[in-house]
């Protein structure tokens, strides 16, 4: 029996999968930036890689008022940003 037929067939790769770079709300708190935060600022500060979609997750606390622009937001992240007096703008 040839080796290729003896080994199990594994997996499937979805070519339509969308991968996001994840940024937590706690990481935004650590930034020295107040006001508008754009994807370009996140790339400059090393939180995400270039040319990726960004999703903001709600892990951590946020005390400052910011306006952040990203592709997606989790429900808890959107609540924390708005509770701190900021805005979450989806692209």
PDB file of N, CA and C in Angstrom:
ATOM      1  N   UNK A   1       0.856  -1.181   0.000  1.00  0.00           N
ATOM      2  CA  UNK A   1       0.000   0.000   0.000  1.00  0.00           C
ATOM      3  C   UNK A   1       0.904   1.248   0.000  1.00  0.00           C
ATOM      4  N   UNK A   2       0.722   2.175  -0.916  1.00  0.00           N
ATOM      5  CA  UNK A   2       1.542   3.383  -0.954  1.00  0.00           C
ATOM      6  C   UNK A   2       1.336   4.231   0.301  1.00  0.00           C
ATOM      7  N   UNK A   3       2.381   4.978   0.644  1.00  0.00           N
ATOM      8  CA  UNK A   3       2.348   5.809   1.849  1.00  0.00           C
ATOM      9  C   UNK A   3       1.225   6.846   1.786  1.00  0.00           C
ATOM     10  N   UNK A   4       0.994   7.453   0.643  1.00  0.00           N
ATOM     11  CA  UNK A   4      -0.034   8.485   0.508  1.00  0.00           C
ATOM     12  C   UNK A   4      -1.425   7.929   0.789  1.00  0.00           C
ATOM     13  N   UNK A   5      -1.657   6.668   0.547  1.00  0.00           N
ATOM     14  CA  UNK A   5      -2.968   6.076   0.813  1.00  0.00           C
ATOM     15  C   UNK A   5      -3.077   5.583   2.250  1.00  0.00           C
ATOM     16  N   UNK A   6      -1.938   5.323   2.898  1.00  0.00           N
ATOM     17  CA  UNK A   6      -1.963   4.849   4.284  1.00  0.00           C
ATOM     18  C   UNK A   6      -2.202   5.978   5.286  1.00  0.00           C
ATOM     19  N   UNK A   7      -1.761   7.187   4.967  1.00  0.00           N
ATOM     20  CA  UNK A   7      -1.895   8.308   5.898  1.00  0.00           C
ATOM     21  C   UNK A   7      -3.305   8.882   5.846  1.00  0.00           C
ATOM     22  N   UNK A   8      -3.812   9.337   6.989  1.00  0.00           N
ATOM     23  CA  UNK A   8      -5.172   9.898   6.992  1.00  0.00           C
ATOM     24  C   UNK A   8      -5.231  11.234   6.260  1.00  0.00           C
ATOM     25  N   UNK A   9      -6.359  11.503   5.694  1.00  0.00           N
ATOM     26  CA  UNK A   9      -6.579  12.787   5.031  1.00  0.00           C
ATOM     27  C   UNK A   9      -7.025  13.784   6.102  1.00  0.00           C
ATOM     28  N   UNK A  10      -6.378  14.943   6.108  1.00  0.00           N
ATOM     29  CA  UNK A  10      -6.589  15.900   7.193  1.00  0.00           C
ATOM     30  C   UNK A  10      -7.095  17.224   6.649  1.00  0.00           C
ATOM     31  N   UNK A  11      -8.194  17.711   7.224  1.00  0.00           N
ATOM     32  CA  UNK A  11      -8.592  19.087   7.145  1.00  0.00           C
ATOM     33  C   UNK A  11      -9.123  19.617   5.839  1.00  0.00           C
ATOM     34  N   UNK A  12      -9.432  20.886   5.933  1.00  0.00           N
ATOM     35  CA  UNK A  12      -9.990  21.653   4.840  1.00  0.00           C
ATOM     36  C   UNK A  12      -9.584  23.095   5.072  1.00  0.00           C
ATOM     37  N   UNK A  13      -9.145  23.791   4.062  1.00  0.00           N
ATOM     38  CA  UNK A  13      -8.770  25.185   4.175  1.00  0.00           C
ATOM     39  C   UNK A  13      -9.812  26.037   3.474  1.00  0.00           C
ATOM     40  N   UNK A  14     -10.491  26.858   4.237  1.00  0.00           N
ATOM     41  CA  UNK A  14     -11.517  27.733   3.695  1.00  0.00           C
ATOM     42  C   UNK A  14     -10.841  28.950   3.074  1.00  0.00           C
ATOM     43  N   UNK A  15     -10.981  29.121   1.771  1.00  0.00           N
ATOM     44  CA  UNK A  15     -10.325  30.241   1.101  1.00  0.00           C
ATOM     45  C   UNK A  15     -11.057  31.559   1.321  1.00  0.00           C
ATOM     46  N   UNK A  16     -12.267  31.513   1.857  1.00  0.00           N
ATOM     47  CA  UNK A  16     -13.049  32.723   2.095  1.00  0.00           C
ATOM     48  C   UNK A  16     -12.969  33.208   3.537  1.00  0.00           C
ATOM     49  N   UNK A  17     -12.139  32.590   4.374  1.00  0.00           N
ATOM     50  CA  UNK A  17     -12.012  32.963   5.772  1.00  0.00           C
ATOM     51  C   UNK A  17     -11.417  34.360   5.918  1.00  0.00           C
ATOM     52  N   UNK A  18     -11.988  35.143   6.812  1.00  0.00           N
ATOM     53  CA  UNK A  18     -11.487  36.489   7.090  1.00  0.00           C
ATOM     54  C   UNK A  18     -10.783  36.453   8.428  1.00  0.00           C
ATOM     55  N   UNK A  19      -9.503  36.843   8.446  1.00  0.00           N
ATOM     56  CA  UNK A  19      -8.737  36.853   9.687  1.00  0.00           C
ATOM     57  C   UNK A  19      -8.593  38.284  10.180  1.00  0.00           C
ATOM     58  N   UNK A  20      -8.787  38.453  11.481  1.00  0.00           N
ATOM     59  CA  UNK A  20      -8.728  39.772  12.097  1.00  0.00           C
ATOM     60  C   UNK A  20      -7.533  39.852  13.040  1.00  0.00           C
ATOM     61  N   UNK A  21      -6.949  41.044  13.133  1.00  0.00           N
ATOM     62  CA  UNK A  21      -5.975  41.339  14.171  1.00  0.00           C
ATOM     63  C   UNK A  21      -6.767  41.759  15.404  1.00  0.00           C
ATOM     64  N   UNK A  22      -6.441  41.209  16.550  1.00  0.00           N
ATOM     65  CA  UNK A  22      -7.207  41.440  17.768  1.00  0.00           C
ATOM     66  C   UNK A  22      -6.492  42.464  18.641  1.00  0.00           C
ATOM     67  N   UNK A  23      -7.245  43.476  19.085  1.00  0.00           N
ATOM     68  CA  UNK A  23      -6.742  44.478  20.023  1.00  0.00           C
ATOM     69  C   UNK A  23      -7.734  44.544  21.169  1.00  0.00           C
ATOM     70  N   UNK A  24      -7.235  44.438  22.390  1.00  0.00           N
ATOM     71  CA  UNK A  24      -8.102  44.509  23.565  1.00  0.00           C
ATOM     72  C   UNK A  24      -8.251  45.957  24.033  1.00  0.00           C
ATOM     73  N   UNK A  25      -9.344  46.209  24.735  1.00  0.00           N
ATOM     74  CA  UNK A  25      -9.608  47.545  25.269  1.00  0.00           C
ATOM     75  C   UNK A  25      -8.510  47.945  26.249  1.00  0.00           C
ATOM     76  N   UNK A  26      -7.980  46.991  26.995  1.00  0.00           N
ATOM     77  CA  UNK A  26      -6.887  47.277  27.922  1.00  0.00           C
ATOM     78  C   UNK A  26      -5.632  47.761  27.210  1.00  0.00           C
ATOM     79  N   UNK A  27      -5.391  47.271  25.986  1.00  0.00           N
ATOM     80  CA  UNK A  27      -4.245  47.742  25.204  1.00  0.00           C
ATOM     81  C   UNK A  27      -4.437  49.193  24.766  1.00  0.00           C
ATOM     82  N   UNK A  28      -5.673  49.578  24.483  1.00  0.00           N
ATOM     83  CA  UNK A  28      -5.956  50.964  24.115  1.00  0.00           C
ATOM     84  C   UNK A  28      -5.744  51.894  25.302  1.00  0.00           C
ATOM     85  N   UNK A  29      -6.003  51.402  26.512  1.00  0.00           N
ATOM     86  CA  UNK A  29      -5.800  52.197  27.727  1.00  0.00           C
ATOM     87  C   UNK A  29      -4.310  52.494  27.908  1.00  0.00           C
ATOM     88  N   UNK A  30      -3.439  51.547  27.547  1.00  0.00           N
ATOM     89  CA  UNK A  30      -1.997  51.715  27.733  1.00  0.00           C
ATOM     90  C   UNK A  30      -1.397  52.729  26.771  1.00  0.00           C
ATOM     91  N   UNK A  31      -2.065  52.988  25.640  1.00  0.00           N
ATOM     92  CA  UNK A  31      -1.556  53.971  24.683  1.00  0.00           C
ATOM     93  C   UNK A  31      -1.581  55.366  25.289  1.00  0.00           C
ATOM     94  N   UNK A  32      -0.625  56.178  24.910  1.00  0.00           N
ATOM     95  CA  UNK A  32      -0.542  57.549  25.405  1.00  0.00           C
ATOM     96  C   UNK A  32      -1.404  58.496  24.574  1.00  0.00           C
ATOM     97  N   UNK A  33      -2.232  57.936  23.697  1.00  0.00           N
ATOM     98  CA  UNK A  33      -3.030  58.737  22.772  1.00  0.00           C
ATOM     99  C   UNK A  33      -4.428  58.941  23.350  1.00  0.00           C
ATOM    100  N   UNK A  34      -4.902  60.158  23.317  1.00  0.00           N
ATOM    101  CA  UNK A  34      -6.284  60.457  23.687  1.00  0.00           C
ATOM    102  C   UNK A  34      -6.950  61.097  22.475  1.00  0.00           C
ATOM    103  N   UNK A  35      -8.215  60.832  22.293  1.00  0.00           N
ATOM    104  CA  UNK A  35      -8.926  61.405  21.148  1.00  0.00           C
ATOM    105  C   UNK A  35      -9.186  60.350  20.091  1.00  0.00           C
ATOM    106  N   UNK A  36      -8.829  60.644  18.844  1.00  0.00           N
ATOM    107  CA  UNK A  36      -9.096  59.734  17.733  1.00  0.00           C
ATOM    108  C   UNK A  36      -7.989  58.705  17.590  1.00  0.00           C
ATOM    109  N   UNK A  37      -8.377  57.437  17.496  1.00  0.00           N
ATOM    110  CA  UNK A  37      -7.435  56.347  17.244  1.00  0.00           C
ATOM    111  C   UNK A  37      -7.861  55.686  15.943  1.00  0.00           C
ATOM    112  N   UNK A  38      -6.959  55.668  14.980  1.00  0.00           N
ATOM    113  CA  UNK A  38      -7.228  55.100  13.665  1.00  0.00           C
ATOM    114  C   UNK A  38      -6.392  53.839  13.481  1.00  0.00           C
ATOM    115  N   UNK A  39      -6.690  53.030  12.471  1.00  0.00           N
ATOM    116  CA  UNK A  39      -5.856  51.850  12.212  1.00  0.00           C
ATOM    117  C   UNK A  39      -4.390  52.204  11.940  1.00  0.00           C
ATOM    118  N   UNK A  40      -4.136  53.357  11.340  1.00  0.00           N
ATOM    119  CA  UNK A  40      -2.758  53.765  11.075  1.00  0.00           C
ATOM    120  C   UNK A  40      -1.990  54.007  12.377  1.00  0.00           C
ATOM    121  N   UNK A  41      -2.663  54.587  13.379  1.00  0.00           N
ATOM    122  CA  UNK A  41      -2.018  54.796  14.681  1.00  0.00           C
ATOM    123  C   UNK A  41      -1.734  53.471  15.380  1.00  0.00           C
ATOM    124  N   UNK A  42      -2.628  52.502  15.219  1.00  0.00           N
ATOM    125  CA  UNK A  42      -2.396  51.191  15.824  1.00  0.00           C
ATOM    126  C   UNK A  42      -1.208  50.494  15.175  1.00  0.00           C
ATOM    127  N   UNK A  43      -1.021  50.673  13.874  1.00  0.00           N
ATOM    128  CA  UNK A  43       0.137  50.097  13.178  1.00  0.00           C
ATOM    129  C   UNK A  43       1.416  50.780  13.654  1.00  0.00           C
ATOM    130  N   UNK A  44       1.400  52.110  13.787  1.00  0.00           N
ATOM    131  CA  UNK A  44       2.579  52.849  14.228  1.00  0.00           C
ATOM    132  C   UNK A  44       3.003  52.465  15.633  1.00  0.00           C
ATOM    133  N   UNK A  45       2.039  52.146  16.497  1.00  0.00           N
ATOM    134  CA  UNK A  45       2.354  51.772  17.881  1.00  0.00           C
ATOM    135  C   UNK A  45       2.612  50.290  18.054  1.00  0.00           C
ATOM    136  N   UNK A  46       2.550  49.517  16.987  1.00  0.00           N
ATOM    137  CA  UNK A  46       2.907  48.109  17.039  1.00  0.00           C
ATOM    138  C   UNK A  46       1.829  47.179  17.570  1.00  0.00           C
ATOM    139  N   UNK A  47       0.582  47.635  17.645  1.00  0.00           N
ATOM    140  CA  UNK A  47      -0.482  46.764  18.144  1.00  0.00           C
ATOM    141  C   UNK A  47      -1.020  45.828  17.069  1.00  0.00           C
ATOM    142  N   UNK A  48      -0.943  46.237  15.812  1.00  0.00           N
ATOM    143  CA  UNK A  48      -1.393  45.390  14.703  1.00  0.00           C
ATOM    144  C   UNK A  48      -0.385  45.459  13.575  1.00  0.00           C
ATOM    145  N   UNK A  49      -0.470  44.464  12.676  1.00  0.00           N
ATOM    146  CA  UNK A  49       0.363  44.487  11.483  1.00  0.00           C
ATOM    147  C   UNK A  49      -0.352  45.238  10.371  1.00  0.00           C
ATOM    148  N   UNK A  50       0.398  45.644   9.401  1.00  0.00           N
ATOM    149  CA  UNK A  50      -0.146  46.439   8.304  1.00  0.00           C
ATOM    150  C   UNK A  50      -1.077  45.603   7.428  1.00  0.00           C
ATOM    151  N   UNK A  51      -2.069  46.262   6.845  1.00  0.00           N
ATOM    152  CA  UNK A  51      -2.988  45.671   5.873  1.00  0.00           C
ATOM    153  C   UNK A  51      -3.788  44.501   6.432  1.00  0.00           C
ATOM    154  N   UNK A  52      -4.239  44.600   7.654  1.00  0.00           N
ATOM    155  CA  UNK A  52      -5.087  43.578   8.255  1.00  0.00           C
ATOM    156  C   UNK A  52      -6.365  44.220   8.747  1.00  0.00           C
ATOM    157  N   UNK A  53      -7.420  43.429   8.850  1.00  0.00           N
ATOM    158  CA  UNK A  53      -8.661  43.916   9.457  1.00  0.00           C
ATOM    159  C   UNK A  53      -8.509  43.851  10.964  1.00  0.00           C
ATOM    160  N   UNK A  54      -9.125  44.794  11.664  1.00  0.00           N
ATOM    161  CA  UNK A  54      -8.939  44.933  13.106  1.00  0.00           C
ATOM    162  C   UNK A  54     -10.258  44.697  13.816  1.00  0.00           C
ATOM    163  N   UNK A  55     -10.192  43.892  14.902  1.00  0.00           N
ATOM    164  CA  UNK A  55     -11.348  43.667  15.762  1.00  0.00           C
ATOM    165  C   UNK A  55     -10.960  44.060  17.179  1.00  0.00           C
ATOM    166  N   UNK A  56     -11.804  44.856  17.814  1.00  0.00           N
ATOM    167  CA  UNK A  56     -11.568  45.313  19.182  1.00  0.00           C
ATOM    168  C   UNK A  56     -12.363  44.422  20.125  1.00  0.00           C
ATOM    169  N   UNK A  57     -11.668  43.837  21.102  1.00  0.00           N
ATOM    170  CA  UNK A  57     -12.300  42.968  22.095  1.00  0.00           C
ATOM    171  C   UNK A  57     -12.354  43.675  23.438  1.00  0.00           C
ATOM    172  N   UNK A  58     -13.212  43.205  24.331  1.00  0.00           N
ATOM    173  CA  UNK A  58     -13.498  43.903  25.579  1.00  0.00           C
ATOM    174  C   UNK A  58     -12.692  43.481  26.782  1.00  0.00           C
ATOM    175  N   UNK A  59     -11.502  42.929  26.624  1.00  0.00           N
ATOM    176  CA  UNK A  59     -10.694  42.504  27.764  1.00  0.00           C
ATOM    177  C   UNK A  59      -9.933  43.702  28.324  1.00  0.00           C
ATOM    178  N   UNK A  60     -10.127  44.015  29.587  1.00  0.00           N
ATOM    179  CA  UNK A  60      -9.448  45.134  30.225  1.00  0.00           C
ATOM    180  C   UNK A  60     -10.415  46.259  30.550  1.00  0.00           C
ATOM    181  N   UNK A  61      -9.861  47.329  31.099  1.00  0.00           N
ATOM    182  CA  UNK A  61     -10.659  48.491  31.492  1.00  0.00           C
ATOM    183  C   UNK A  61     -10.248  49.699  30.668  1.00  0.00           C
ATOM    184  N   UNK A  62     -11.175  50.624  30.495  1.00  0.00           N
ATOM    185  CA  UNK A  62     -10.910  51.852  29.749  1.00  0.00           C
ATOM    186  C   UNK A  62     -11.433  53.023  30.558  1.00  0.00           C
ATOM    187  N   UNK A  63     -10.553  54.002  30.824  1.00  0.00           N
ATOM    188  CA  UNK A  63     -10.928  55.158  31.630  1.00  0.00           C
ATOM    189  C   UNK A  63     -10.964  56.448  30.825  1.00  0.00           C
ATOM    190  N   UNK A  64     -10.286  56.481  29.680  1.00  0.00           N
ATOM    191  CA  UNK A  64     -10.221  57.733  28.930  1.00  0.00           C
ATOM    192  C   UNK A  64     -11.208  57.747  27.773  1.00  0.00           C
ATOM    193  N   UNK A  65     -11.560  58.946  27.361  1.00  0.00           N
ATOM    194  CA  UNK A  65     -12.541  59.136  26.301  1.00  0.00           C
ATOM    195  C   UNK A  65     -11.825  59.107  24.954  1.00  0.00           C
ATOM    196  N   UNK A  66     -12.133  58.106  24.119  1.00  0.00           N
ATOM    197  CA  UNK A  66     -11.494  57.967  22.818  1.00  0.00           C
ATOM    198  C   UNK A  66     -12.549  57.713  21.744  1.00  0.00           C
ATOM    199  N   UNK A  67     -12.170  58.013  20.530  1.00  0.00           N
ATOM    200  CA  UNK A  67     -12.965  57.653  19.363  1.00  0.00           C
ATOM    201  C   UNK A  67     -12.103  56.716  18.547  1.00  0.00           C
ATOM    202  N   UNK A  68     -12.510  55.462  18.436  1.00  0.00           N
ATOM    203  CA  UNK A  68     -11.687  54.470  17.743  1.00  0.00           C
ATOM    204  C   UNK A  68     -12.392  53.987  16.486  1.00  0.00           C
ATOM    205  N   UNK A  69     -11.603  53.807  15.438  1.00  0.00           N
ATOM    206  CA  UNK A  69     -12.091  53.322  14.162  1.00  0.00           C
ATOM    207  C   UNK A  69     -11.481  51.951  13.905  1.00  0.00           C
ATOM    208  N   UNK A  70     -12.341  50.943  13.673  1.00  0.00           N
ATOM    209  CA  UNK A  70     -11.875  49.589  13.392  1.00  0.00           C
ATOM    210  C   UNK A  70     -12.920  48.883  12.534  1.00  0.00           C
ATOM    211  N   UNK A  71     -12.600  47.668  12.104  1.00  0.00           N
ATOM    212  CA  UNK A  71     -13.514  46.922  11.249  1.00  0.00           C
ATOM    213  C   UNK A  71     -14.656  46.289  12.032  1.00  0.00           C
ATOM    214  N   UNK A  72     -14.365  45.768  13.227  1.00  0.00           N
ATOM    215  CA  UNK A  72     -15.390  45.112  14.041  1.00  0.00           C
ATOM    216  C   UNK A  72     -15.146  45.395  15.510  1.00  0.00           C
ATOM    217  N   UNK A  73     -16.231  45.305  16.286  1.00  0.00           N
ATOM    218  CA  UNK A  73     -16.163  45.481  17.737  1.00  0.00           C
ATOM    219  C   UNK A  73     -16.984  44.378  18.394  1.00  0.00           C
ATOM    220  N   UNK A  74     -16.474  43.854  19.503  1.00  0.00           N
ATOM    221  CA  UNK A  74     -17.314  42.936  20.270  1.00  0.00           C
ATOM    222  C   UNK A  74     -18.322  43.765  21.055  1.00  0.00           C
ATOM    223  N   UNK A  75     -19.360  43.110  21.518  1.00  0.00           N
ATOM    224  CA  UNK A  75     -20.416  43.814  22.243  1.00  0.00           C
ATOM    225  C   UNK A  75     -19.880  44.435  23.531  1.00  0.00           C
ATOM    226  N   UNK A  76     -19.038  43.699  24.259  1.00  0.00           N
ATOM    227  CA  UNK A  76     -18.498  44.222  25.518  1.00  0.00           C
ATOM    228  C   UNK A  76     -17.522  45.371  25.272  1.00  0.00           C
ATOM    229  N   UNK A  77     -16.763  45.323  24.180  1.00  0.00           N
ATOM    230  CA  UNK A  77     -15.834  46.411  23.872  1.00  0.00           C
ATOM    231  C   UNK A  77     -16.604  47.683  23.535  1.00  0.00           C
ATOM    232  N   UNK A  78     -17.652  47.547  22.738  1.00  0.00           N
ATOM    233  CA  UNK A  78     -18.461  48.715  22.374  1.00  0.00           C
ATOM    234  C   UNK A  78     -19.082  49.340  23.620  1.00  0.00           C
ATOM    235  N   UNK A  79     -19.558  48.500  24.559  1.00  0.00           N
ATOM    236  CA  UNK A  79     -20.155  49.014  25.795  1.00  0.00           C
ATOM    237  C   UNK A  79     -19.126  49.746  26.651  1.00  0.00           C
ATOM    238  N   UNK A  80     -17.912  49.202  26.770  1.00  0.00           N
ATOM    239  CA  UNK A  80     -16.887  49.830  27.593  1.00  0.00           C
ATOM    240  C   UNK A  80     -16.431  51.158  26.997  1.00  0.00           C
ATOM    241  N   UNK A  81     -16.307  51.202  25.677  1.00  0.00           N
ATOM    242  CA  UNK A  81     -15.881  52.449  25.028  1.00  0.00           C
ATOM    243  C   UNK A  81     -16.942  53.526  25.210  1.00  0.00           C
ATOM    244  N   UNK A  82     -18.204  53.177  25.021  1.00  0.00           N
ATOM    245  CA  UNK A  82     -19.285  54.161  25.156  1.00  0.00           C
ATOM    246  C   UNK A  82     -19.507  54.550  26.613  1.00  0.00           C
ATOM    247  N   UNK A  83     -19.260  53.636  27.535  1.00  0.00           N
ATOM    248  CA  UNK A  83     -19.412  53.945  28.964  1.00  0.00           C
ATOM    249  C   UNK A  83     -18.336  54.960  29.405  1.00  0.00           C
ATOM    250  N   UNK A  84     -17.149  54.889  28.780  1.00  0.00           N
ATOM    251  CA  UNK A  84     -16.090  55.835  29.113  1.00  0.00           C
ATOM    252  C   UNK A  84     -16.296  57.178  28.423  1.00  0.00           C
ATOM    253  N   UNK A  85     -17.331  57.296  27.581  1.00  0.00           N
ATOM    254  CA  UNK A  85     -17.621  58.555  26.926  1.00  0.00           C
ATOM    255  C   UNK A  85     -17.084  58.659  25.507  1.00  0.00           C
ATOM    256  N   UNK A  86     -16.582  57.544  24.966  1.00  0.00           N
ATOM    257  CA  UNK A  86     -16.029  57.562  23.628  1.00  0.00           C
ATOM    258  C   UNK A  86     -17.000  57.044  22.582  1.00  0.00           C
ATOM    259  N   UNK A  87     -16.494  56.880  21.365  1.00  0.00           N
ATOM    260  CA  UNK A  87     -17.308  56.362  20.270  1.00  0.00           C
ATOM    261  C   UNK A  87     -16.567  55.240  19.575  1.00  0.00           C
ATOM    262  N   UNK A  88     -17.310  54.240  19.128  1.00  0.00           N
ATOM    263  CA  UNK A  88     -16.761  53.127  18.353  1.00  0.00           C
ATOM    264  C   UNK A  88     -17.292  53.255  16.935  1.00  0.00           C
ATOM    265  N   UNK A  89     -16.416  53.514  15.973  1.00  0.00           N
ATOM    266  CA  UNK A  89     -16.800  53.723  14.583  1.00  0.00           C
ATOM    267  C   UNK A  89     -16.342  52.513  13.774  1.00  0.00           C
ATOM    268  N   UNK A  90     -17.309  51.826  13.142  1.00  0.00           N
ATOM    269  CA  UNK A  90     -16.982  50.668  12.306  1.00  0.00           C
ATOM    270  C   UNK A  90     -16.712  51.123  10.879  1.00  0.00           C
ATOM    271  N   UNK A  91     -15.690  50.549  10.283  1.00  0.00           N
ATOM    272  CA  UNK A  91     -15.367  50.858   8.886  1.00  0.00           C
ATOM    273  C   UNK A  91     -16.321  50.174   7.943  1.00  0.00           C
TER     274      UNK A  91
END
